[in-house]
Amino acid sequence: MPKPPPRALALAIALLVPLLISGKRKEASIIGFHLESEESEPLKKTSRVIIGGDTFRVRKAPEFSQADITGYYPFLSKDGTSYGAAFRLGEQATKKLHDLSENAVGRKLLTVVNTDTVAYVVIDGRVDDNYVICWQGLTKDHLAAFEMAGFEKIQPQGESPASSPTADNRNDDFLPIPGSSQ
């Protein structure tokens, strides 16, 4: 097979490179909050999840992801062996949280970090603040990943996110992480 002339090869590369780099690449998200699906949702848009012996289906697309989080407050969970965190949402995600919490009462909202399904909360009413809570199941590695991703570490102000109605197992004690400056 004859070699293409150098000019033709250079022209082909010059035309192909912009096409190759212009394709939108999905930004990887280290954290996502996935809503339990309804029976009527197509199976191709859901995934089966098992947590603590319970099996249910959740939406593949997260309701909230890393891009929606403007800060987080980590704390030692009540079990004393894992961590939880309150994740502060941006303005658009907060509006979505208000609507979702009003319309998805009784459904689960799962916290997924990388590919680890960490925990879930049961939505029991409208959420009026801008926090999504993961009460337990986070590890030091998860917290380090949040820090590496540039998540702003915040302190709770005013009403505690612990009073959020998104959890069926309220935790009123925000305990600092051992060895942290908080």
C-alpha atoms as a PDB file:
ATOM      1  CA  MET A   1       0.000   0.000   0.000  1.00  0.00           C
ATOM      2  CA  PRO A   2       1.514   3.346  -1.021  1.00  0.00           C
ATOM      3  CA  LYS A   3       2.159   5.905   1.696  1.00  0.00           C
ATOM      4  CA  PRO A   4      -0.040   8.999   1.596  1.00  0.00           C
ATOM      5  CA  PRO A   5       1.797  12.185   0.728  1.00  0.00           C
ATOM      6  CA  PRO A   6       2.967  14.053   3.879  1.00  0.00           C
ATOM      7  CA  ARG A   7       0.716  16.999   3.076  1.00  0.00           C
ATOM      8  CA  ALA A   8      -2.389  14.815   2.843  1.00  0.00           C
ATOM      9  CA  LEU A   9      -1.528  13.127   6.130  1.00  0.00           C
ATOM     10  CA  ALA A  10      -0.966  16.470   7.852  1.00  0.00           C
ATOM     11  CA  LEU A  11      -4.285  17.766   6.496  1.00  0.00           C
ATOM     12  CA  ALA A  12      -6.143  14.649   7.686  1.00  0.00           C
ATOM     13  CA  ILE A  13      -4.666  14.990  11.163  1.00  0.00           C
ATOM     14  CA  ALA A  14      -5.454  18.715  11.250  1.00  0.00           C
ATOM     15  CA  LEU A  15      -9.079  17.972  10.389  1.00  0.00           C
ATOM     16  CA  LEU A  16      -9.480  14.995  12.749  1.00  0.00           C
ATOM     17  CA  VAL A  17      -7.916  16.444  15.904  1.00  0.00           C
ATOM     18  CA  PRO A  18     -10.599  19.114  16.476  1.00  0.00           C
ATOM     19  CA  LEU A  19     -13.296  16.489  15.945  1.00  0.00           C
ATOM     20  CA  LEU A  20     -11.713  14.146  18.455  1.00  0.00           C
ATOM     21  CA  ILE A  21     -11.238  16.751  21.175  1.00  0.00           C
ATOM     22  CA  SER A  22     -14.540  18.550  20.624  1.00  0.00           C
ATOM     23  CA  GLY A  23     -16.636  15.573  21.741  1.00  0.00           C
ATOM     24  CA  LYS A  24     -18.095  16.245  25.145  1.00  0.00           C
ATOM     25  CA  ARG A  25     -16.613  14.060  27.796  1.00  0.00           C
ATOM     26  CA  LYS A  26     -18.702  13.402  30.858  1.00  0.00           C
ATOM     27  CA  GLU A  27     -17.024  14.726  33.999  1.00  0.00           C
ATOM     28  CA  ALA A  28     -16.530  11.960  36.534  1.00  0.00           C
ATOM     29  CA  SER A  29     -18.360  12.545  39.777  1.00  0.00           C
ATOM     30  CA  ILE A  30     -17.112  10.993  42.992  1.00  0.00           C
ATOM     31  CA  ILE A  31     -20.486  11.302  44.706  1.00  0.00           C
ATOM     32  CA  GLY A  32     -24.085  10.922  43.609  1.00  0.00           C
ATOM     33  CA  PHE A  33     -27.458  10.757  45.304  1.00  0.00           C
ATOM     34  CA  HIS A  34     -29.780   8.320  43.535  1.00  0.00           C
ATOM     35  CA  LEU A  35     -33.543   8.164  44.051  1.00  0.00           C
ATOM     36  CA  GLU A  36     -35.406   4.893  44.420  1.00  0.00           C
ATOM     37  CA  SER A  37     -37.274   4.332  41.166  1.00  0.00           C
ATOM     38  CA  GLU A  38     -40.994   3.927  40.732  1.00  0.00           C
ATOM     39  CA  GLU A  39     -42.481   0.676  39.430  1.00  0.00           C
ATOM     40  CA  SER A  40     -43.458   2.417  36.181  1.00  0.00           C
ATOM     41  CA  GLU A  41     -39.905   3.498  35.287  1.00  0.00           C
ATOM     42  CA  PRO A  42     -38.197   1.545  32.482  1.00  0.00           C
ATOM     43  CA  LEU A  43     -35.718  -1.075  33.710  1.00  0.00           C
ATOM     44  CA  LYS A  44     -33.022   0.272  31.369  1.00  0.00           C
ATOM     45  CA  LYS A  45     -33.015   3.528  33.378  1.00  0.00           C
ATOM     46  CA  THR A  46     -32.707   1.802  36.757  1.00  0.00           C
ATOM     47  CA  SER A  47     -30.262  -0.400  38.641  1.00  0.00           C
ATOM     48  CA  ARG A  48     -30.871  -3.061  41.261  1.00  0.00           C
ATOM     49  CA  VAL A  49     -29.240  -2.311  44.616  1.00  0.00           C
ATOM     50  CA  ILE A  50     -28.860  -4.430  47.743  1.00  0.00           C
ATOM     51  CA  ILE A  51     -28.234  -2.720  51.092  1.00  0.00           C
ATOM     52  CA  GLY A  52     -28.413  -4.598  54.370  1.00  0.00           C
ATOM     53  CA  GLY A  53     -30.380  -7.433  52.804  1.00  0.00           C
ATOM     54  CA  ASP A  54     -32.948  -5.068  51.253  1.00  0.00           C
ATOM     55  CA  THR A  55     -33.197  -5.114  47.449  1.00  0.00           C
ATOM     56  CA  PHE A  56     -34.694  -2.265  45.481  1.00  0.00           C
ATOM     57  CA  ARG A  57     -34.260  -0.376  42.216  1.00  0.00           C
ATOM     58  CA  VAL A  58     -32.832   3.128  41.873  1.00  0.00           C
ATOM     59  CA  ARG A  59     -32.508   5.556  39.011  1.00  0.00           C
ATOM     60  CA  LYS A  60     -29.158   5.255  37.222  1.00  0.00           C
ATOM     61  CA  ALA A  61     -28.870   9.010  36.807  1.00  0.00           C
ATOM     62  CA  PRO A  62     -28.196  10.757  40.123  1.00  0.00           C
ATOM     63  CA  GLU A  63     -30.577  13.423  41.370  1.00  0.00           C
ATOM     64  CA  PHE A  64     -27.580  15.318  42.783  1.00  0.00           C
ATOM     65  CA  SER A  65     -23.891  14.951  41.971  1.00  0.00           C
ATOM     66  CA  GLN A  66     -20.539  16.516  42.762  1.00  0.00           C
ATOM     67  CA  ALA A  67     -21.366  19.539  40.588  1.00  0.00           C
ATOM     68  CA  ASP A  68     -24.374  20.341  42.815  1.00  0.00           C
ATOM     69  CA  ILE A  69     -22.414  20.372  46.088  1.00  0.00           C
ATOM     70  CA  THR A  70     -21.076  23.692  47.393  1.00  0.00           C
ATOM     71  CA  GLY A  71     -19.723  22.421  50.706  1.00  0.00           C
ATOM     72  CA  TYR A  72     -19.859  19.589  53.195  1.00  0.00           C
ATOM     73  CA  TYR A  73     -19.659  19.038  56.926  1.00  0.00           C
ATOM     74  CA  PRO A  74     -18.262  15.633  57.944  1.00  0.00           C
ATOM     75  CA  PHE A  75     -19.050  14.132  61.344  1.00  0.00           C
ATOM     76  CA  LEU A  76     -18.534  10.905  63.241  1.00  0.00           C
ATOM     77  CA  SER A  77     -21.653   8.767  62.888  1.00  0.00           C
ATOM     78  CA  LYS A  78     -23.589   7.495  65.883  1.00  0.00           C
ATOM     79  CA  ASP A  79     -22.191   3.988  65.359  1.00  0.00           C
ATOM     80  CA  GLY A  80     -18.741   5.451  66.062  1.00  0.00           C
ATOM     81  CA  THR A  81     -17.124   3.339  63.341  1.00  0.00           C
ATOM     82  CA  SER A  82     -17.934   5.344  60.233  1.00  0.00           C
ATOM     83  CA  TYR A  83     -18.573   8.926  59.215  1.00  0.00           C
ATOM     84  CA  GLY A  84     -21.502  10.882  57.916  1.00  0.00           C
ATOM     85  CA  ALA A  85     -21.700  14.228  56.181  1.00  0.00           C
ATOM     86  CA  ALA A  86     -24.122  17.030  55.493  1.00  0.00           C
ATOM     87  CA  PHE A  87     -23.745  18.148  51.869  1.00  0.00           C
ATOM     88  CA  ARG A  88     -24.762  21.732  51.101  1.00  0.00           C
ATOM     89  CA  LEU A  89     -26.390  22.123  47.697  1.00  0.00           C
ATOM     90  CA  GLY A  90     -26.253  25.039  45.289  1.00  0.00           C
ATOM     91  CA  GLU A  91     -29.309  27.115  44.368  1.00  0.00           C
ATOM     92  CA  GLN A  92     -30.607  25.028  41.440  1.00  0.00           C
ATOM     93  CA  ALA A  93     -30.061  21.733  43.278  1.00  0.00           C
ATOM     94  CA  THR A  94     -31.821  23.154  46.353  1.00  0.00           C
ATOM     95  CA  LYS A  95     -34.913  23.882  44.257  1.00  0.00           C
ATOM     96  CA  LYS A  96     -34.781  20.336  42.923  1.00  0.00           C
ATOM     97  CA  LEU A  97     -34.408  18.988  46.487  1.00  0.00           C
ATOM     98  CA  HIS A  98     -37.509  20.915  47.596  1.00  0.00           C
ATOM     99  CA  ASP A  99     -39.568  19.508  44.707  1.00  0.00           C
ATOM    100  CA  LEU A 100     -38.168  16.003  44.972  1.00  0.00           C
ATOM    101  CA  SER A 101     -38.736  15.783  48.734  1.00  0.00           C
ATOM    102  CA  GLU A 102     -42.347  16.870  48.289  1.00  0.00           C
ATOM    103  CA  ASN A 103     -43.063  14.413  45.476  1.00  0.00           C
ATOM    104  CA  ALA A 104     -41.016  11.375  46.545  1.00  0.00           C
ATOM    105  CA  VAL A 105     -42.225  10.835  50.109  1.00  0.00           C
ATOM    106  CA  GLY A 106     -41.556   7.276  51.247  1.00  0.00           C
ATOM    107  CA  ARG A 107     -38.828   6.632  48.675  1.00  0.00           C
ATOM    108  CA  LYS A 108     -35.146   6.136  49.425  1.00  0.00           C
ATOM    109  CA  LEU A 109     -32.334   8.482  48.449  1.00  0.00           C
ATOM    110  CA  LEU A 110     -29.026   6.593  48.212  1.00  0.00           C
ATOM    111  CA  THR A 111     -25.562   8.026  48.687  1.00  0.00           C
ATOM    112  CA  VAL A 112     -23.066   6.531  46.242  1.00  0.00           C
ATOM    113  CA  VAL A 113     -19.369   7.423  46.500  1.00  0.00           C
ATOM    114  CA  ASN A 114     -17.335   6.298  43.497  1.00  0.00           C
ATOM    115  CA  THR A 115     -19.008   2.911  43.049  1.00  0.00           C
ATOM    116  CA  ASP A 116     -19.727   2.274  46.749  1.00  0.00           C
ATOM    117  CA  THR A 117     -23.368   2.422  47.786  1.00  0.00           C
ATOM    118  CA  VAL A 118     -22.821   3.907  51.222  1.00  0.00           C
ATOM    119  CA  ALA A 119     -26.222   4.432  52.836  1.00  0.00           C
ATOM    120  CA  TYR A 120     -29.710   5.744  52.223  1.00  0.00           C
ATOM    121  CA  VAL A 121     -32.315   7.939  53.847  1.00  0.00           C
ATOM    122  CA  VAL A 122     -36.069   7.646  53.516  1.00  0.00           C
ATOM    123  CA  ILE A 123     -37.723  10.862  52.390  1.00  0.00           C
ATOM    124  CA  ASP A 124     -40.457  11.600  54.901  1.00  0.00           C
ATOM    125  CA  GLY A 125     -41.508  15.102  53.907  1.00  0.00           C
ATOM    126  CA  ARG A 126     -40.530  18.397  52.332  1.00  0.00           C
ATOM    127  CA  VAL A 127     -36.946  19.524  52.909  1.00  0.00           C
ATOM    128  CA  ASP A 128     -36.832  23.282  53.397  1.00  0.00           C
ATOM    129  CA  ASP A 129     -33.068  23.709  53.756  1.00  0.00           C
ATOM    130  CA  ASN A 130     -30.291  23.103  51.259  1.00  0.00           C
ATOM    131  CA  TYR A 131     -28.665  19.993  52.742  1.00  0.00           C
ATOM    132  CA  VAL A 132     -28.629  16.326  51.772  1.00  0.00           C
ATOM    133  CA  ILE A 133     -27.445  14.075  54.593  1.00  0.00           C
ATOM    134  CA  CYS A 134     -25.544  10.821  54.609  1.00  0.00           C
ATOM    135  CA  TRP A 135     -25.791   9.685  58.240  1.00  0.00           C
ATOM    136  CA  GLN A 136     -23.232   6.878  58.172  1.00  0.00           C
ATOM    137  CA  GLY A 137     -21.095   4.582  56.059  1.00  0.00           C
ATOM    138  CA  LEU A 138     -18.479   7.044  54.839  1.00  0.00           C
ATOM    139  CA  THR A 139     -14.832   6.108  55.375  1.00  0.00           C
ATOM    140  CA  LYS A 140     -11.701   8.185  55.869  1.00  0.00           C
ATOM    141  CA  ASP A 141     -10.885   7.392  52.234  1.00  0.00           C
ATOM    142  CA  HIS A 142     -14.206   8.887  51.122  1.00  0.00           C
ATOM    143  CA  LEU A 143     -13.550  12.052  53.154  1.00  0.00           C
ATOM    144  CA  ALA A 144     -10.040  12.287  51.678  1.00  0.00           C
ATOM    145  CA  ALA A 145     -11.539  11.965  48.177  1.00  0.00           C
ATOM    146  CA  PHE A 146     -13.903  14.869  48.908  1.00  0.00           C
ATOM    147  CA  GLU A 147     -10.952  16.963  50.047  1.00  0.00           C
ATOM    148  CA  MET A 148      -8.894  16.005  46.961  1.00  0.00           C
ATOM    149  CA  ALA A 149     -11.866  16.951  44.762  1.00  0.00           C
ATOM    150  CA  GLY A 150     -11.815  20.426  46.315  1.00  0.00           C
ATOM    151  CA  PHE A 151     -15.024  20.207  48.338  1.00  0.00           C
ATOM    152  CA  GLU A 152     -15.248  23.134  50.754  1.00  0.00           C
ATOM    153  CA  LYS A 153     -15.374  21.935  54.362  1.00  0.00           C
ATOM    154  CA  ILE A 154     -18.021  23.956  56.205  1.00  0.00           C
ATOM    155  CA  GLN A 155     -19.393  24.341  59.727  1.00  0.00           C
ATOM    156  CA  PRO A 156     -23.144  24.096  60.318  1.00  0.00           C
ATOM    157  CA  GLN A 157     -24.757  27.486  60.859  1.00  0.00           C
ATOM    158  CA  GLY A 158     -28.177  28.303  62.256  1.00  0.00           C
ATOM    159  CA  GLU A 159     -30.536  25.376  62.093  1.00  0.00           C
ATOM    160  CA  SER A 160     -28.600  22.128  61.971  1.00  0.00           C
ATOM    161  CA  PRO A 161     -28.942  19.953  58.865  1.00  0.00           C
ATOM    162  CA  ALA A 162     -29.577  17.173  61.384  1.00  0.00           C
ATOM    163  CA  SER A 163     -33.133  18.468  61.692  1.00  0.00           C
ATOM    164  CA  SER A 164     -33.730  17.820  57.993  1.00  0.00           C
ATOM    165  CA  PRO A 165     -36.778  15.617  57.398  1.00  0.00           C
ATOM    166  CA  THR A 166     -34.891  13.527  54.820  1.00  0.00           C
ATOM    167  CA  ALA A 167     -33.838  10.926  57.361  1.00  0.00           C
ATOM    168  CA  ASP A 168     -35.778   8.236  59.116  1.00  0.00           C
ATOM    169  CA  ASN A 169     -32.970   7.887  61.660  1.00  0.00           C
ATOM    170  CA  ARG A 170     -32.311  11.396  62.930  1.00  0.00           C
ATOM    171  CA  ASN A 171     -28.901  12.126  64.411  1.00  0.00           C
ATOM    172  CA  ASP A 172     -28.914  15.241  66.559  1.00  0.00           C
ATOM    173  CA  ASP A 173     -25.279  14.944  67.592  1.00  0.00           C
ATOM    174  CA  PHE A 174     -22.779  16.311  65.129  1.00  0.00           C
ATOM    175  CA  LEU A 175     -19.523  14.958  66.485  1.00  0.00           C
ATOM    176  CA  PRO A 176     -16.192  16.273  65.209  1.00  0.00           C
ATOM    177  CA  ILE A 177     -13.931  13.861  63.429  1.00  0.00           C
ATOM    178  CA  PRO A 178     -11.177  12.668  65.774  1.00  0.00           C
ATOM    179  CA  GLY A 179      -7.884  14.364  65.005  1.00  0.00           C
ATOM    180  CA  SER A 180      -9.510  17.148  62.960  1.00  0.00           C
ATOM    181  CA  SER A 181      -9.327  20.837  63.777  1.00  0.00           C
ATOM    182  CA  GLN A 182     -13.105  21.079  64.070  1.00  0.00           C
END
